[in-house]
Amino acid sequence: HGDVAGSNDYRDLLGELVSTRLGLSP
């Protein structure tokens, strides 16, 4: 509807950050 699609959830990006960089488990 005229917007960039919200295809990615910011929680996935930040979740990957804390998982990879801080070693958090799932």
PDB file of all heavy atoms in Angstrom:
ATOM      1  N   HIS A   1       0.826  -1.212   0.000  1.00  0.00           N
ATOM      2  CA  HIS A   1       0.000   0.000   0.000  1.00  0.00           C
ATOM      3  C   HIS A   1       0.861   1.263   0.000  1.00  0.00           C
ATOM      4  O   HIS A   1       0.584   2.208   0.736  1.00  0.00           O
ATOM      5  CB  HIS A   1      -0.973   0.003   1.177  1.00  0.00           C
ATOM      6  CG  HIS A   1      -1.871  -1.180   1.219  1.00  0.00           C
ATOM      7  ND1 HIS A   1      -2.887  -1.383   0.313  1.00  0.00           N
ATOM      8  CD2 HIS A   1      -1.886  -2.260   2.034  1.00  0.00           C
ATOM      9  CE1 HIS A   1      -3.505  -2.513   0.583  1.00  0.00           C
ATOM     10  NE2 HIS A   1      -2.910  -3.071   1.611  1.00  0.00           N
ATOM     11  N   GLY A   2       1.929   1.258  -0.792  1.00  0.00           N
ATOM     12  CA  GLY A   2       2.804   2.416  -0.906  1.00  0.00           C
ATOM     13  C   GLY A   2       3.959   2.430   0.074  1.00  0.00           C
ATOM     14  O   GLY A   2       4.784   3.336   0.046  1.00  0.00           O
ATOM     15  N   ASP A   3       4.036   1.465   0.940  1.00  0.00           N
ATOM     16  CA  ASP A   3       5.102   1.396   1.936  1.00  0.00           C
ATOM     17  C   ASP A   3       6.092   0.289   1.593  1.00  0.00           C
ATOM     18  O   ASP A   3       5.723  -0.710   0.969  1.00  0.00           O
ATOM     19  CB  ASP A   3       4.547   1.044   3.329  1.00  0.00           C
ATOM     20  CG  ASP A   3       3.711   2.155   3.921  1.00  0.00           C
ATOM     21  OD1 ASP A   3       3.890   3.316   3.514  1.00  0.00           O
ATOM     22  OD2 ASP A   3       2.892   1.861   4.806  1.00  0.00           O
ATOM     23  N   VAL A   4       7.320   0.451   2.071  1.00  0.00           N
ATOM     24  CA  VAL A   4       8.263  -0.661   2.027  1.00  0.00           C
ATOM     25  C   VAL A   4       7.660  -1.760   2.897  1.00  0.00           C
ATOM     26  O   VAL A   4       7.183  -1.499   4.010  1.00  0.00           O
ATOM     27  CB  VAL A   4       9.643  -0.247   2.590  1.00  0.00           C
ATOM     28  CG1 VAL A   4      10.579  -1.434   2.702  1.00  0.00           C
ATOM     29  CG2 VAL A   4      10.265   0.843   1.724  1.00  0.00           C
ATOM     30  N   ALA A   5       7.636  -2.970   2.376  1.00  0.00           N
ATOM     31  CA  ALA A   5       7.057  -4.084   3.131  1.00  0.00           C
ATOM     32  C   ALA A   5       7.860  -4.332   4.408  1.00  0.00           C
ATOM     33  O   ALA A   5       9.085  -4.273   4.394  1.00  0.00           O
ATOM     34  CB  ALA A   5       7.035  -5.338   2.263  1.00  0.00           C
ATOM     35  N   GLY A   6       7.166  -4.583   5.493  1.00  0.00           N
ATOM     36  CA  GLY A   6       7.832  -4.917   6.762  1.00  0.00           C
ATOM     37  C   GLY A   6       8.151  -6.402   6.795  1.00  0.00           C
ATOM     38  O   GLY A   6       7.531  -7.150   7.544  1.00  0.00           O
ATOM     39  N   SER A   7       9.101  -6.826   5.987  1.00  0.00           N
ATOM     40  CA  SER A   7       9.381  -8.258   5.795  1.00  0.00           C
ATOM     41  C   SER A   7      10.241  -8.872   6.899  1.00  0.00           C
ATOM     42  O   SER A   7      10.243 -10.081   7.071  1.00  0.00           O
ATOM     43  CB  SER A   7      10.087  -8.467   4.462  1.00  0.00           C
ATOM     44  OG  SER A   7       9.303  -7.950   3.416  1.00  0.00           O
ATOM     45  N   ASN A   8      10.993  -8.060   7.601  1.00  0.00           N
ATOM     46  CA  ASN A   8      11.892  -8.560   8.646  1.00  0.00           C
ATOM     47  C   ASN A   8      11.482  -7.965   9.982  1.00  0.00           C
ATOM     48  O   ASN A   8      11.126  -6.800  10.068  1.00  0.00           O
ATOM     49  CB  ASN A   8      13.339  -8.167   8.336  1.00  0.00           C
ATOM     50  CG  ASN A   8      13.787  -8.687   6.983  1.00  0.00           C
ATOM     51  OD1 ASN A   8      13.810  -9.880   6.757  1.00  0.00           O
ATOM     52  ND2 ASN A   8      14.105  -7.780   6.083  1.00  0.00           N
ATOM     53  N   ASP A   9      11.558  -8.765  11.008  1.00  0.00           N
ATOM     54  CA  ASP A   9      11.208  -8.329  12.353  1.00  0.00           C
ATOM     55  C   ASP A   9      12.484  -7.892  13.066  1.00  0.00           C
ATOM     56  O   ASP A   9      13.468  -8.633  13.096  1.00  0.00           O
ATOM     57  CB  ASP A   9      10.548  -9.497  13.094  1.00  0.00           C
ATOM     58  CG  ASP A   9       9.892  -9.072  14.390  1.00  0.00           C
ATOM     59  OD1 ASP A   9      10.580  -8.438  15.235  1.00  0.00           O
ATOM     60  OD2 ASP A   9       8.709  -9.398  14.579  1.00  0.00           O
ATOM     61  N   TYR A  10      12.473  -6.689  13.648  1.00  0.00           N
ATOM     62  CA  TYR A  10      13.659  -6.184  14.348  1.00  0.00           C
ATOM     63  C   TYR A  10      14.114  -7.141  15.455  1.00  0.00           C
ATOM     64  O   TYR A  10      15.295  -7.213  15.777  1.00  0.00           O
ATOM     65  CB  TYR A  10      13.403  -4.787  14.914  1.00  0.00           C
ATOM     66  CG  TYR A  10      12.529  -4.779  16.151  1.00  0.00           C
ATOM     67  CD1 TYR A  10      13.100  -4.799  17.413  1.00  0.00           C
ATOM     68  CD2 TYR A  10      11.137  -4.789  16.052  1.00  0.00           C
ATOM     69  CE1 TYR A  10      12.302  -4.808  18.550  1.00  0.00           C
ATOM     70  CE2 TYR A  10      10.340  -4.801  17.173  1.00  0.00           C
ATOM     71  CZ  TYR A  10      10.926  -4.811  18.423  1.00  0.00           C
ATOM     72  OH  TYR A  10      10.145  -4.835  19.538  1.00  0.00           O
ATOM     73  N   ARG A  11      13.176  -7.906  16.018  1.00  0.00           N
ATOM     74  CA  ARG A  11      13.554  -8.853  17.075  1.00  0.00           C
ATOM     75  C   ARG A  11      14.415  -9.977  16.527  1.00  0.00           C
ATOM     76  O   ARG A  11      15.237 -10.547  17.250  1.00  0.00           O
ATOM     77  CB  ARG A  11      12.306  -9.414  17.759  1.00  0.00           C
ATOM     78  CG  ARG A  11      11.522  -8.328  18.517  1.00  0.00           C
ATOM     79  CD  ARG A  11      10.200  -8.823  18.987  1.00  0.00           C
ATOM     80  NE  ARG A  11       9.334  -9.112  17.837  1.00  0.00           N
ATOM     81  CZ  ARG A  11       8.069  -9.496  17.942  1.00  0.00           C
ATOM     82  NH1 ARG A  11       7.514  -9.653  19.129  1.00  0.00           N
ATOM     83  NH2 ARG A  11       7.359  -9.735  16.856  1.00  0.00           N
ATOM     84  N   ASP A  12      14.275 -10.300  15.239  1.00  0.00           N
ATOM     85  CA  ASP A  12      15.152 -11.304  14.632  1.00  0.00           C
ATOM     86  C   ASP A  12      16.571 -10.770  14.485  1.00  0.00           C
ATOM     87  O   ASP A  12      17.539 -11.482  14.729  1.00  0.00           O
ATOM     88  CB  ASP A  12      14.598 -11.756  13.276  1.00  0.00           C
ATOM     89  CG  ASP A  12      13.329 -12.574  13.415  1.00  0.00           C
ATOM     90  OD1 ASP A  12      13.160 -13.242  14.459  1.00  0.00           O
ATOM     91  OD2 ASP A  12      12.514 -12.548  12.490  1.00  0.00           O
ATOM     92  N   LEU A  13      16.696  -9.510  14.092  1.00  0.00           N
ATOM     93  CA  LEU A  13      18.023  -8.907  13.987  1.00  0.00           C
ATOM     94  C   LEU A  13      18.683  -8.795  15.361  1.00  0.00           C
ATOM     95  O   LEU A  13      19.821  -9.227  15.552  1.00  0.00           O
ATOM     96  CB  LEU A  13      17.932  -7.525  13.337  1.00  0.00           C
ATOM     97  CG  LEU A  13      19.251  -6.767  13.254  1.00  0.00           C
ATOM     98  CD1 LEU A  13      20.257  -7.488  12.367  1.00  0.00           C
ATOM     99  CD2 LEU A  13      19.007  -5.349  12.755  1.00  0.00           C
ATOM    100  N   LEU A  14      17.962  -8.249  16.323  1.00  0.00           N
ATOM    101  CA  LEU A  14      18.532  -8.093  17.666  1.00  0.00           C
ATOM    102  C   LEU A  14      18.710  -9.443  18.354  1.00  0.00           C
ATOM    103  O   LEU A  14      19.665  -9.630  19.116  1.00  0.00           O
ATOM    104  CB  LEU A  14      17.661  -7.155  18.499  1.00  0.00           C
ATOM    105  CG  LEU A  14      17.571  -5.721  17.970  1.00  0.00           C
ATOM    106  CD1 LEU A  14      16.679  -4.883  18.863  1.00  0.00           C
ATOM    107  CD2 LEU A  14      18.942  -5.094  17.819  1.00  0.00           C
ATOM    108  N   GLY A  15      17.822 -10.391  18.088  1.00  0.00           N
ATOM    109  CA  GLY A  15      17.980 -11.742  18.624  1.00  0.00           C
ATOM    110  C   GLY A  15      19.240 -12.401  18.089  1.00  0.00           C
ATOM    111  O   GLY A  15      19.977 -13.073  18.822  1.00  0.00           O
ATOM    112  N   GLU A  16      19.496 -12.205  16.803  1.00  0.00           N
ATOM    113  CA  GLU A  16      20.723 -12.750  16.211  1.00  0.00           C
ATOM    114  C   GLU A  16      21.950 -12.080  16.814  1.00  0.00           C
ATOM    115  O   GLU A  16      22.968 -12.729  17.062  1.00  0.00           O
ATOM    116  CB  GLU A  16      20.697 -12.559  14.699  1.00  0.00           C
ATOM    117  CG  GLU A  16      21.842 -13.230  13.995  1.00  0.00           C
ATOM    118  CD  GLU A  16      21.751 -13.133  12.482  1.00  0.00           C
ATOM    119  OE1 GLU A  16      20.758 -12.603  11.934  1.00  0.00           O
ATOM    120  OE2 GLU A  16      22.687 -13.614  11.840  1.00  0.00           O
ATOM    121  N   LEU A  17      21.854 -10.787  17.082  1.00  0.00           N
ATOM    122  CA  LEU A  17      22.959 -10.064  17.715  1.00  0.00           C
ATOM    123  C   LEU A  17      23.273 -10.640  19.090  1.00  0.00           C
ATOM    124  O   LEU A  17      24.423 -10.990  19.374  1.00  0.00           O
ATOM    125  CB  LEU A  17      22.609  -8.580  17.838  1.00  0.00           C
ATOM    126  CG  LEU A  17      23.563  -7.724  18.679  1.00  0.00           C
ATOM    127  CD1 LEU A  17      24.910  -7.599  18.003  1.00  0.00           C
ATOM    128  CD2 LEU A  17      22.957  -6.364  18.943  1.00  0.00           C
ATOM    129  N   VAL A  18      22.268 -10.784  19.953  1.00  0.00           N
ATOM    130  CA  VAL A  18      22.537 -11.282  21.306  1.00  0.00           C
ATOM    131  C   VAL A  18      22.909 -12.761  21.300  1.00  0.00           C
ATOM    132  O   VAL A  18      23.670 -13.210  22.152  1.00  0.00           O
ATOM    133  CB  VAL A  18      21.374 -10.994  22.289  1.00  0.00           C
ATOM    134  CG1 VAL A  18      21.159  -9.501  22.449  1.00  0.00           C
ATOM    135  CG2 VAL A  18      20.091 -11.676  21.875  1.00  0.00           C
ATOM    136  N   SER A  19      22.413 -13.502  20.333  1.00  0.00           N
ATOM    137  CA  SER A  19      22.772 -14.910  20.214  1.00  0.00           C
ATOM    138  C   SER A  19      24.227 -15.065  19.765  1.00  0.00           C
ATOM    139  O   SER A  19      25.006 -15.796  20.389  1.00  0.00           O
ATOM    140  CB  SER A  19      21.833 -15.589  19.217  1.00  0.00           C
ATOM    141  OG  SER A  19      22.277 -16.886  18.917  1.00  0.00           O
ATOM    142  N   THR A  20      24.588 -14.384  18.703  1.00  0.00           N
ATOM    143  CA  THR A  20      25.914 -14.539  18.106  1.00  0.00           C
ATOM    144  C   THR A  20      26.997 -13.810  18.893  1.00  0.00           C
ATOM    145  O   THR A  20      28.045 -14.375  19.182  1.00  0.00           O
ATOM    146  CB  THR A  20      25.894 -14.013  16.654  1.00  0.00           C
ATOM    147  OG1 THR A  20      24.862 -14.685  15.947  1.00  0.00           O
ATOM    148  CG2 THR A  20      27.206 -14.265  15.968  1.00  0.00           C
ATOM    149  N   ARG A  21      26.747 -12.565  19.237  1.00  0.00           N
ATOM    150  CA  ARG A  21      27.788 -11.741  19.857  1.00  0.00           C
ATOM    151  C   ARG A  21      27.874 -11.930  21.372  1.00  0.00           C
ATOM    152  O   ARG A  21      28.935 -11.790  21.947  1.00  0.00           O
ATOM    153  CB  ARG A  21      27.573 -10.273  19.521  1.00  0.00           C
ATOM    154  CG  ARG A  21      27.613  -9.966  18.036  1.00  0.00           C
ATOM    155  CD  ARG A  21      28.961 -10.211  17.411  1.00  0.00           C
ATOM    156  NE  ARG A  21      29.812  -9.072  17.693  1.00  0.00           N
ATOM    157  CZ  ARG A  21      31.120  -9.078  17.558  1.00  0.00           C
ATOM    158  NH1 ARG A  21      31.733 -10.148  17.131  1.00  0.00           N
ATOM    159  NH2 ARG A  21      31.833  -8.021  17.858  1.00  0.00           N
ATOM    160  N   LEU A  22      26.738 -12.231  22.023  1.00  0.00           N
ATOM    161  CA  LEU A  22      26.748 -12.378  23.478  1.00  0.00           C
ATOM    162  C   LEU A  22      26.617 -13.829  23.917  1.00  0.00           C
ATOM    163  O   LEU A  22      26.636 -14.118  25.105  1.00  0.00           O
ATOM    164  CB  LEU A  22      25.622 -11.539  24.107  1.00  0.00           C
ATOM    165  CG  LEU A  22      25.665 -10.035  23.809  1.00  0.00           C
ATOM    166  CD1 LEU A  22      24.487  -9.332  24.456  1.00  0.00           C
ATOM    167  CD2 LEU A  22      26.988  -9.431  24.258  1.00  0.00           C
ATOM    168  N   GLY A  23      26.441 -14.735  22.952  1.00  0.00           N
ATOM    169  CA  GLY A  23      26.399 -16.157  23.266  1.00  0.00           C
ATOM    170  C   GLY A  23      25.125 -16.655  23.902  1.00  0.00           C
ATOM    171  O   GLY A  23      25.120 -17.711  24.538  1.00  0.00           O
ATOM    172  N   LEU A  24      24.013 -15.931  23.741  1.00  0.00           N
ATOM    173  CA  LEU A  24      22.754 -16.401  24.305  1.00  0.00           C
ATOM    174  C   LEU A  24      22.243 -17.608  23.530  1.00  0.00           C
ATOM    175  O   LEU A  24      22.287 -17.634  22.302  1.00  0.00           O
ATOM    176  CB  LEU A  24      21.688 -15.301  24.264  1.00  0.00           C
ATOM    177  CG  LEU A  24      21.455 -14.549  25.577  1.00  0.00           C
ATOM    178  CD1 LEU A  24      22.687 -13.800  26.004  1.00  0.00           C
ATOM    179  CD2 LEU A  24      20.268 -13.641  25.456  1.00  0.00           C
ATOM    180  N   SER A  25      21.735 -18.576  24.244  1.00  0.00           N
ATOM    181  CA  SER A  25      21.119 -19.755  23.636  1.00  0.00           C
ATOM    182  C   SER A  25      19.756 -19.361  23.084  1.00  0.00           C
ATOM    183  O   SER A  25      19.232 -18.296  23.415  1.00  0.00           O
ATOM    184  CB  SER A  25      20.938 -20.837  24.704  1.00  0.00           C
ATOM    185  OG  SER A  25      19.982 -20.392  25.655  1.00  0.00           O
ATOM    186  N   PRO A  26      19.139 -20.240  22.273  1.00  0.00           N
ATOM    187  CA  PRO A  26      17.767 -19.943  21.828  1.00  0.00           C
ATOM    188  C   PRO A  26      16.815 -19.682  23.007  1.00  0.00           C
ATOM    189  O   PRO A  26      15.944 -18.822  22.921  1.00  0.00           O
ATOM    190  CB  PRO A  26      17.375 -21.186  21.034  1.00  0.00           C
ATOM    191  CG  PRO A  26      18.680 -21.695  20.495  1.00  0.00           C
ATOM    192  CD  PRO A  26      19.681 -21.429  21.607  1.00  0.00           C
TER     193      PRO A  26
END
